[in-house]
Amino acid sequence: MAQDEYDYLFKVVLIGDSGVGKSNLLSRFTRDEFNPDSKSTIGVEFATRSIAVDGKTIKAQIWDTAGQERYRAITNAYYRGAVGALLVYDITKSQTYENSSRWLKELRDHADSNIVIMLVGNKSDLEPQRGVSTDEAKTFAAENNLSFIETSALNASNVESAFQSILTEIYRIVSARQLEQATESAPRPGEGTTINFSRPPEEDKSSSSKCC
């Protein structure tokens, strides 16, 4: 199927402190690449990848933002239209995990109330340097109604699973809502059924966009 053919387009955002590996999670999932010398993201960039779920083509438009405080002014535009979010921390740096509460509050203040959120402990390949226990993160995720997974962008561990899982969950929610709306607005004889969904803006010709 051509890259521009899809049944659903879902905008998913990556949030978390600078240096936790958001950009490499993005590049690993969309291009199967890892850059050990990647620089901090300036402003915003995004990439896309399509996956199949229940016979439907789901196009994920994944946005990556700078974790530094000075770029926080982009918040509202960044979250607009997002239906999913990966809240990423570094398992070797407890401060990035502790800051997850602040990121979660910001997300819930600015994003749609029904956004699907996954807590992601990245850099699981650095197990000997672990600073955040898996059980502690699982408890935090459960208390805040988040799904949870640990990943490694370096060796690709669970990266595919993380994105597949959140996109599948979004699809199931959206398709159930679509069915519910269709049932509630069943057409009279001779009428068609129209179901409206807010969709994130389609990307331009390039695969990424940057702003500052």
C-alpha atoms as a PDB file:
ATOM      1  CA  MET A   1       0.000   0.000   0.000  1.00  0.00           C
ATOM      2  CA  ALA A   2       1.299   3.451  -0.836  1.00  0.00           C
ATOM      3  CA  GLN A   3       2.619   5.525   2.052  1.00  0.00           C
ATOM      4  CA  ASP A   4      -0.117   8.136   1.600  1.00  0.00           C
ATOM      5  CA  GLU A   5      -2.958   5.613   1.753  1.00  0.00           C
ATOM      6  CA  TYR A   6      -4.361   4.966   5.209  1.00  0.00           C
ATOM      7  CA  ASP A   7      -7.613   4.411   7.082  1.00  0.00           C
ATOM      8  CA  TYR A   8      -6.728   6.383  10.200  1.00  0.00           C
ATOM      9  CA  LEU A   9      -4.176   9.082  11.008  1.00  0.00           C
ATOM     10  CA  PHE A  10      -3.168   9.333  14.662  1.00  0.00           C
ATOM     11  CA  LYS A  11      -0.944  12.027  16.133  1.00  0.00           C
ATOM     12  CA  VAL A  12       1.235  10.744  18.976  1.00  0.00           C
ATOM     13  CA  VAL A  13       3.561  12.994  20.983  1.00  0.00           C
ATOM     14  CA  LEU A  14       6.781  12.159  22.799  1.00  0.00           C
ATOM     15  CA  ILE A  15       7.339  14.044  26.053  1.00  0.00           C
ATOM     16  CA  GLY A  16       9.900  13.912  28.837  1.00  0.00           C
ATOM     17  CA  ASP A  17      13.161  15.502  29.907  1.00  0.00           C
ATOM     18  CA  SER A  18      15.936  16.293  27.471  1.00  0.00           C
ATOM     19  CA  GLY A  19      18.376  13.418  26.978  1.00  0.00           C
ATOM     20  CA  VAL A  20      16.038  10.531  27.815  1.00  0.00           C
ATOM     21  CA  GLY A  21      16.135   9.237  24.230  1.00  0.00           C
ATOM     22  CA  LYS A  22      12.905  10.512  22.689  1.00  0.00           C
ATOM     23  CA  SER A  23      14.514  11.312  19.328  1.00  0.00           C
ATOM     24  CA  ASN A  24      16.154   7.900  19.096  1.00  0.00           C
ATOM     25  CA  LEU A  25      12.878   6.157  19.969  1.00  0.00           C
ATOM     26  CA  LEU A  26      11.319   8.094  17.100  1.00  0.00           C
ATOM     27  CA  SER A  27      14.097   7.251  14.628  1.00  0.00           C
ATOM     28  CA  ARG A  28      14.240   3.600  15.736  1.00  0.00           C
ATOM     29  CA  PHE A  29      10.508   3.104  15.167  1.00  0.00           C
ATOM     30  CA  THR A  30      10.130   5.116  11.958  1.00  0.00           C
ATOM     31  CA  ARG A  31      13.490   4.427  10.251  1.00  0.00           C
ATOM     32  CA  ASP A  32      15.076   1.636  12.321  1.00  0.00           C
ATOM     33  CA  GLU A  33      18.018   3.939  13.024  1.00  0.00           C
ATOM     34  CA  PHE A  34      19.926   4.874  16.163  1.00  0.00           C
ATOM     35  CA  ASN A  35      22.339   7.790  16.394  1.00  0.00           C
ATOM     36  CA  PRO A  36      24.547   7.661  19.506  1.00  0.00           C
ATOM     37  CA  ASP A  37      25.677  11.233  18.822  1.00  0.00           C
ATOM     38  CA  SER A  38      22.220  12.731  18.336  1.00  0.00           C
ATOM     39  CA  LYS A  39      21.954  16.333  19.488  1.00  0.00           C
ATOM     40  CA  SER A  40      19.114  17.764  21.546  1.00  0.00           C
ATOM     41  CA  THR A  41      16.024  18.440  19.482  1.00  0.00           C
ATOM     42  CA  ILE A  42      15.503  22.108  18.645  1.00  0.00           C
ATOM     43  CA  GLY A  43      11.829  22.982  18.631  1.00  0.00           C
ATOM     44  CA  VAL A  44       9.700  20.249  17.072  1.00  0.00           C
ATOM     45  CA  GLU A  45      10.139  17.525  14.490  1.00  0.00           C
ATOM     46  CA  PHE A  46       7.979  14.624  13.431  1.00  0.00           C
ATOM     47  CA  ALA A  47       8.123  11.464  11.362  1.00  0.00           C
ATOM     48  CA  THR A  48       5.527   8.983  10.193  1.00  0.00           C
ATOM     49  CA  ARG A  49       5.087   5.256   9.867  1.00  0.00           C
ATOM     50  CA  SER A  50       2.093   3.115   8.962  1.00  0.00           C
ATOM     51  CA  ILE A  51       1.144  -0.153  10.661  1.00  0.00           C
ATOM     52  CA  ALA A  52      -1.716  -2.616  10.179  1.00  0.00           C
ATOM     53  CA  VAL A  53      -4.282  -3.232  12.916  1.00  0.00           C
ATOM     54  CA  ASP A  54      -7.297  -5.472  12.358  1.00  0.00           C
ATOM     55  CA  GLY A  55      -6.920  -5.158   8.595  1.00  0.00           C
ATOM     56  CA  LYS A  56      -6.838  -1.344   8.756  1.00  0.00           C
ATOM     57  CA  THR A  57      -3.864   0.860   7.901  1.00  0.00           C
ATOM     58  CA  ILE A  58      -2.975   3.160  10.779  1.00  0.00           C
ATOM     59  CA  LYS A  59      -0.660   6.030   9.932  1.00  0.00           C
ATOM     60  CA  ALA A  60       1.164   7.307  12.994  1.00  0.00           C
ATOM     61  CA  GLN A  61       2.368  10.892  12.930  1.00  0.00           C
ATOM     62  CA  ILE A  62       4.849  10.958  15.815  1.00  0.00           C
ATOM     63  CA  TRP A  63       5.999  14.317  17.177  1.00  0.00           C
ATOM     64  CA  ASP A  64       9.199  14.854  19.116  1.00  0.00           C
ATOM     65  CA  THR A  65       9.845  18.041  21.057  1.00  0.00           C
ATOM     66  CA  ALA A  66      12.766  19.584  22.865  1.00  0.00           C
ATOM     67  CA  GLY A  67      12.770  18.709  26.567  1.00  0.00           C
ATOM     68  CA  GLN A  68      14.536  21.941  27.532  1.00  0.00           C
ATOM     69  CA  GLU A  69      12.547  24.538  29.428  1.00  0.00           C
ATOM     70  CA  ARG A  70      13.211  27.337  26.940  1.00  0.00           C
ATOM     71  CA  TYR A  71      11.152  25.594  24.272  1.00  0.00           C
ATOM     72  CA  ARG A  72       8.061  25.182  26.426  1.00  0.00           C
ATOM     73  CA  ALA A  73       6.261  27.993  24.581  1.00  0.00           C
ATOM     74  CA  ILE A  74       5.349  25.536  21.817  1.00  0.00           C
ATOM     75  CA  THR A  75       3.208  23.504  24.234  1.00  0.00           C
ATOM     76  CA  ASN A  76      -0.297  24.274  22.998  1.00  0.00           C
ATOM     77  CA  ALA A  77       0.424  23.706  19.294  1.00  0.00           C
ATOM     78  CA  TYR A  78       2.406  20.559  20.118  1.00  0.00           C
ATOM     79  CA  TYR A  79      -0.448  18.862  21.971  1.00  0.00           C
ATOM     80  CA  ARG A  80      -3.242  20.002  19.649  1.00  0.00           C
ATOM     81  CA  GLY A  81      -4.882  17.017  17.952  1.00  0.00           C
ATOM     82  CA  ALA A  82      -2.773  14.427  19.802  1.00  0.00           C
ATOM     83  CA  VAL A  83      -4.590  11.188  20.610  1.00  0.00           C
ATOM     84  CA  GLY A  84      -1.629   9.431  22.224  1.00  0.00           C
ATOM     85  CA  ALA A  85       1.488  10.284  24.225  1.00  0.00           C
ATOM     86  CA  LEU A  86       4.634   8.452  25.265  1.00  0.00           C
ATOM     87  CA  LEU A  87       5.972   9.893  28.523  1.00  0.00           C
ATOM     88  CA  VAL A  88       9.637   8.935  28.463  1.00  0.00           C
ATOM     89  CA  TYR A  89      12.218   8.830  31.260  1.00  0.00           C
ATOM     90  CA  ASP A  90      15.752   7.415  31.541  1.00  0.00           C
ATOM     91  CA  ILE A  91      15.901   4.379  33.861  1.00  0.00           C
ATOM     92  CA  THR A  92      19.450   5.376  34.881  1.00  0.00           C
ATOM     93  CA  LYS A  93      18.504   8.915  35.952  1.00  0.00           C
ATOM     94  CA  SER A  94      15.977   9.091  38.760  1.00  0.00           C
ATOM     95  CA  GLN A  95      15.454  12.825  38.265  1.00  0.00           C
ATOM     96  CA  THR A  96      13.981  12.230  34.796  1.00  0.00           C
ATOM     97  CA  TYR A  97      11.559   9.758  36.369  1.00  0.00           C
ATOM     98  CA  GLU A  98      10.646  12.124  39.192  1.00  0.00           C
ATOM     99  CA  ASN A  99       9.911  14.823  36.609  1.00  0.00           C
ATOM    100  CA  SER A 100       7.358  12.515  34.978  1.00  0.00           C
ATOM    101  CA  SER A 101       4.722  13.836  37.387  1.00  0.00           C
ATOM    102  CA  ARG A 102       5.257  17.371  36.105  1.00  0.00           C
ATOM    103  CA  TRP A 103       5.156  16.227  32.476  1.00  0.00           C
ATOM    104  CA  LEU A 104       1.978  14.270  33.156  1.00  0.00           C
ATOM    105  CA  LYS A 105       0.319  17.323  34.701  1.00  0.00           C
ATOM    106  CA  GLU A 106       1.301  19.455  31.710  1.00  0.00           C
ATOM    107  CA  LEU A 107      -0.043  16.834  29.338  1.00  0.00           C
ATOM    108  CA  ARG A 108      -3.368  16.639  31.137  1.00  0.00           C
ATOM    109  CA  ASP A 109      -3.599  20.429  31.335  1.00  0.00           C
ATOM    110  CA  HIS A 110      -3.097  20.928  27.590  1.00  0.00           C
ATOM    111  CA  ALA A 111      -4.070  17.734  25.768  1.00  0.00           C
ATOM    112  CA  ASP A 112      -7.446  16.151  25.109  1.00  0.00           C
ATOM    113  CA  SER A 113      -8.872  14.536  28.237  1.00  0.00           C
ATOM    114  CA  ASN A 114      -9.210  11.195  26.409  1.00  0.00           C
ATOM    115  CA  ILE A 115      -5.577  11.015  25.267  1.00  0.00           C
ATOM    116  CA  VAL A 116      -3.990   7.557  25.650  1.00  0.00           C
ATOM    117  CA  ILE A 117      -0.761   7.758  27.689  1.00  0.00           C
ATOM    118  CA  MET A 118       2.077   5.250  28.031  1.00  0.00           C
ATOM    119  CA  LEU A 119       4.919   5.602  30.540  1.00  0.00           C
ATOM    120  CA  VAL A 120       8.192   4.512  28.908  1.00  0.00           C
ATOM    121  CA  GLY A 121      11.379   3.727  30.818  1.00  0.00           C
ATOM    122  CA  ASN A 122      14.070   4.022  28.153  1.00  0.00           C
ATOM    123  CA  LYS A 123      17.702   2.815  28.092  1.00  0.00           C
ATOM    124  CA  SER A 124      16.947  -0.630  29.515  1.00  0.00           C
ATOM    125  CA  ASP A 125      20.248  -1.765  27.973  1.00  0.00           C
ATOM    126  CA  LEU A 126      21.969   0.090  30.840  1.00  0.00           C
ATOM    127  CA  GLU A 127      20.610  -2.265  33.514  1.00  0.00           C
ATOM    128  CA  PRO A 128      23.777  -2.123  35.708  1.00  0.00           C
ATOM    129  CA  GLN A 129      23.281   1.667  35.993  1.00  0.00           C
ATOM    130  CA  ARG A 130      19.567   1.455  36.790  1.00  0.00           C
ATOM    131  CA  GLY A 131      18.339   4.206  39.095  1.00  0.00           C
ATOM    132  CA  VAL A 132      14.586   3.590  38.864  1.00  0.00           C
ATOM    133  CA  SER A 133      13.120   0.205  39.730  1.00  0.00           C
ATOM    134  CA  THR A 134      10.627  -1.402  37.365  1.00  0.00           C
ATOM    135  CA  ASP A 135       8.175  -2.025  40.207  1.00  0.00           C
ATOM    136  CA  GLU A 136       8.227   1.618  41.289  1.00  0.00           C
ATOM    137  CA  ALA A 137       7.469   2.797  37.749  1.00  0.00           C
ATOM    138  CA  LYS A 138       4.731   0.177  37.356  1.00  0.00           C
ATOM    139  CA  THR A 139       3.089   1.438  40.543  1.00  0.00           C
ATOM    140  CA  PHE A 140       3.219   5.056  39.354  1.00  0.00           C
ATOM    141  CA  ALA A 141       1.728   4.043  36.010  1.00  0.00           C
ATOM    142  CA  ALA A 142      -1.093   2.068  37.647  1.00  0.00           C
ATOM    143  CA  GLU A 143      -1.931   4.919  40.033  1.00  0.00           C
ATOM    144  CA  ASN A 144      -2.216   7.335  37.096  1.00  0.00           C
ATOM    145  CA  ASN A 145      -4.025   4.993  34.698  1.00  0.00           C
ATOM    146  CA  LEU A 146      -1.083   4.731  32.316  1.00  0.00           C
ATOM    147  CA  SER A 147       0.236   1.730  30.451  1.00  0.00           C
ATOM    148  CA  PHE A 148       3.916   0.991  31.044  1.00  0.00           C
ATOM    149  CA  ILE A 149       6.874  -0.512  29.211  1.00  0.00           C
ATOM    150  CA  GLU A 150      10.665  -0.399  29.350  1.00  0.00           C
ATOM    151  CA  THR A 151      12.562   0.059  26.095  1.00  0.00           C
ATOM    152  CA  SER A 152      15.998   0.428  24.595  1.00  0.00           C
ATOM    153  CA  ALA A 153      16.326   2.580  21.507  1.00  0.00           C
ATOM    154  CA  LEU A 154      19.931   1.363  21.287  1.00  0.00           C
ATOM    155  CA  ASN A 155      19.164  -2.345  20.822  1.00  0.00           C
ATOM    156  CA  ALA A 156      15.528  -1.823  19.735  1.00  0.00           C
ATOM    157  CA  SER A 157      14.160  -3.781  22.711  1.00  0.00           C
ATOM    158  CA  ASN A 158      10.386  -3.228  23.050  1.00  0.00           C
ATOM    159  CA  VAL A 159      10.396  -0.133  20.811  1.00  0.00           C
ATOM    160  CA  GLU A 160       8.149  -1.790  18.254  1.00  0.00           C
ATOM    161  CA  SER A 161       5.940  -3.159  21.033  1.00  0.00           C
ATOM    162  CA  ALA A 162       5.556   0.244  22.671  1.00  0.00           C
ATOM    163  CA  PHE A 163       4.328   2.002  19.537  1.00  0.00           C
ATOM    164  CA  GLN A 164       2.256  -0.954  18.323  1.00  0.00           C
ATOM    165  CA  SER A 165       0.563  -1.191  21.718  1.00  0.00           C
ATOM    166  CA  ILE A 166      -0.398   2.470  22.045  1.00  0.00           C
ATOM    167  CA  LEU A 167      -1.537   2.733  18.414  1.00  0.00           C
ATOM    168  CA  THR A 168      -3.653  -0.410  18.765  1.00  0.00           C
ATOM    169  CA  GLU A 169      -5.241   0.923  21.948  1.00  0.00           C
ATOM    170  CA  ILE A 170      -6.031   4.244  20.248  1.00  0.00           C
ATOM    171  CA  TYR A 171      -7.514   2.407  17.266  1.00  0.00           C
ATOM    172  CA  ARG A 172      -9.736   0.262  19.474  1.00  0.00           C
ATOM    173  CA  ILE A 173     -11.033   3.326  21.332  1.00  0.00           C
ATOM    174  CA  VAL A 174     -11.626   5.308  18.153  1.00  0.00           C
ATOM    175  CA  SER A 175     -13.296   2.454  16.290  1.00  0.00           C
ATOM    176  CA  ALA A 176     -15.562   1.718  19.272  1.00  0.00           C
ATOM    177  CA  ARG A 177     -16.525   5.397  19.414  1.00  0.00           C
ATOM    178  CA  GLN A 178     -17.112   5.352  15.665  1.00  0.00           C
ATOM    179  CA  LEU A 179     -19.441   2.381  15.998  1.00  0.00           C
ATOM    180  CA  GLU A 180     -21.257   4.051  18.886  1.00  0.00           C
ATOM    181  CA  GLN A 181     -21.746   7.260  16.913  1.00  0.00           C
ATOM    182  CA  ALA A 182     -22.939   5.328  13.892  1.00  0.00           C
ATOM    183  CA  THR A 183     -25.504   3.513  16.028  1.00  0.00           C
ATOM    184  CA  GLU A 184     -26.733   6.716  17.655  1.00  0.00           C
ATOM    185  CA  SER A 185     -27.106   8.480  14.330  1.00  0.00           C
ATOM    186  CA  ALA A 186     -28.451   5.609  12.254  1.00  0.00           C
ATOM    187  CA  PRO A 187     -29.771   7.120   9.024  1.00  0.00           C
ATOM    188  CA  ARG A 188     -33.348   7.034   7.924  1.00  0.00           C
ATOM    189  CA  PRO A 189     -34.012   5.266   4.615  1.00  0.00           C
ATOM    190  CA  GLY A 190     -32.341   7.099   1.793  1.00  0.00           C
ATOM    191  CA  GLU A 191     -29.865   8.945   4.032  1.00  0.00           C
ATOM    192  CA  GLY A 192     -26.145   8.351   4.441  1.00  0.00           C
ATOM    193  CA  THR A 193     -24.204   8.172   7.683  1.00  0.00           C
ATOM    194  CA  THR A 194     -21.552  10.787   8.418  1.00  0.00           C
ATOM    195  CA  ILE A 195     -19.074  10.325  11.271  1.00  0.00           C
ATOM    196  CA  ASN A 196     -16.731  13.160  12.115  1.00  0.00           C
ATOM    197  CA  PHE A 197     -13.403  12.731  13.807  1.00  0.00           C
ATOM    198  CA  SER A 198     -10.859  15.392  14.566  1.00  0.00           C
ATOM    199  CA  ARG A 199      -7.687  14.498  12.711  1.00  0.00           C
ATOM    200  CA  PRO A 200      -4.239  16.004  13.170  1.00  0.00           C
ATOM    201  CA  PRO A 201      -2.987  18.167  10.325  1.00  0.00           C
ATOM    202  CA  GLU A 202      -1.460  16.156   7.497  1.00  0.00           C
ATOM    203  CA  GLU A 203       2.257  16.631   7.129  1.00  0.00           C
ATOM    204  CA  ASP A 204       3.847  18.467   4.236  1.00  0.00           C
ATOM    205  CA  LYS A 205       6.003  16.871   1.550  1.00  0.00           C
ATOM    206  CA  SER A 206       9.008  16.477   3.841  1.00  0.00           C
ATOM    207  CA  SER A 207       9.160  13.797   6.500  1.00  0.00           C
ATOM    208  CA  SER A 208      10.039  16.246   9.243  1.00  0.00           C
ATOM    209  CA  SER A 209       9.353  19.770  10.264  1.00  0.00           C
ATOM    210  CA  LYS A 210      11.350  21.997  12.553  1.00  0.00           C
ATOM    211  CA  CYS A 211      10.564  25.210  14.274  1.00  0.00           C
ATOM    212  CA  CYS A 212      12.190  27.197  17.012  1.00  0.00           C
END
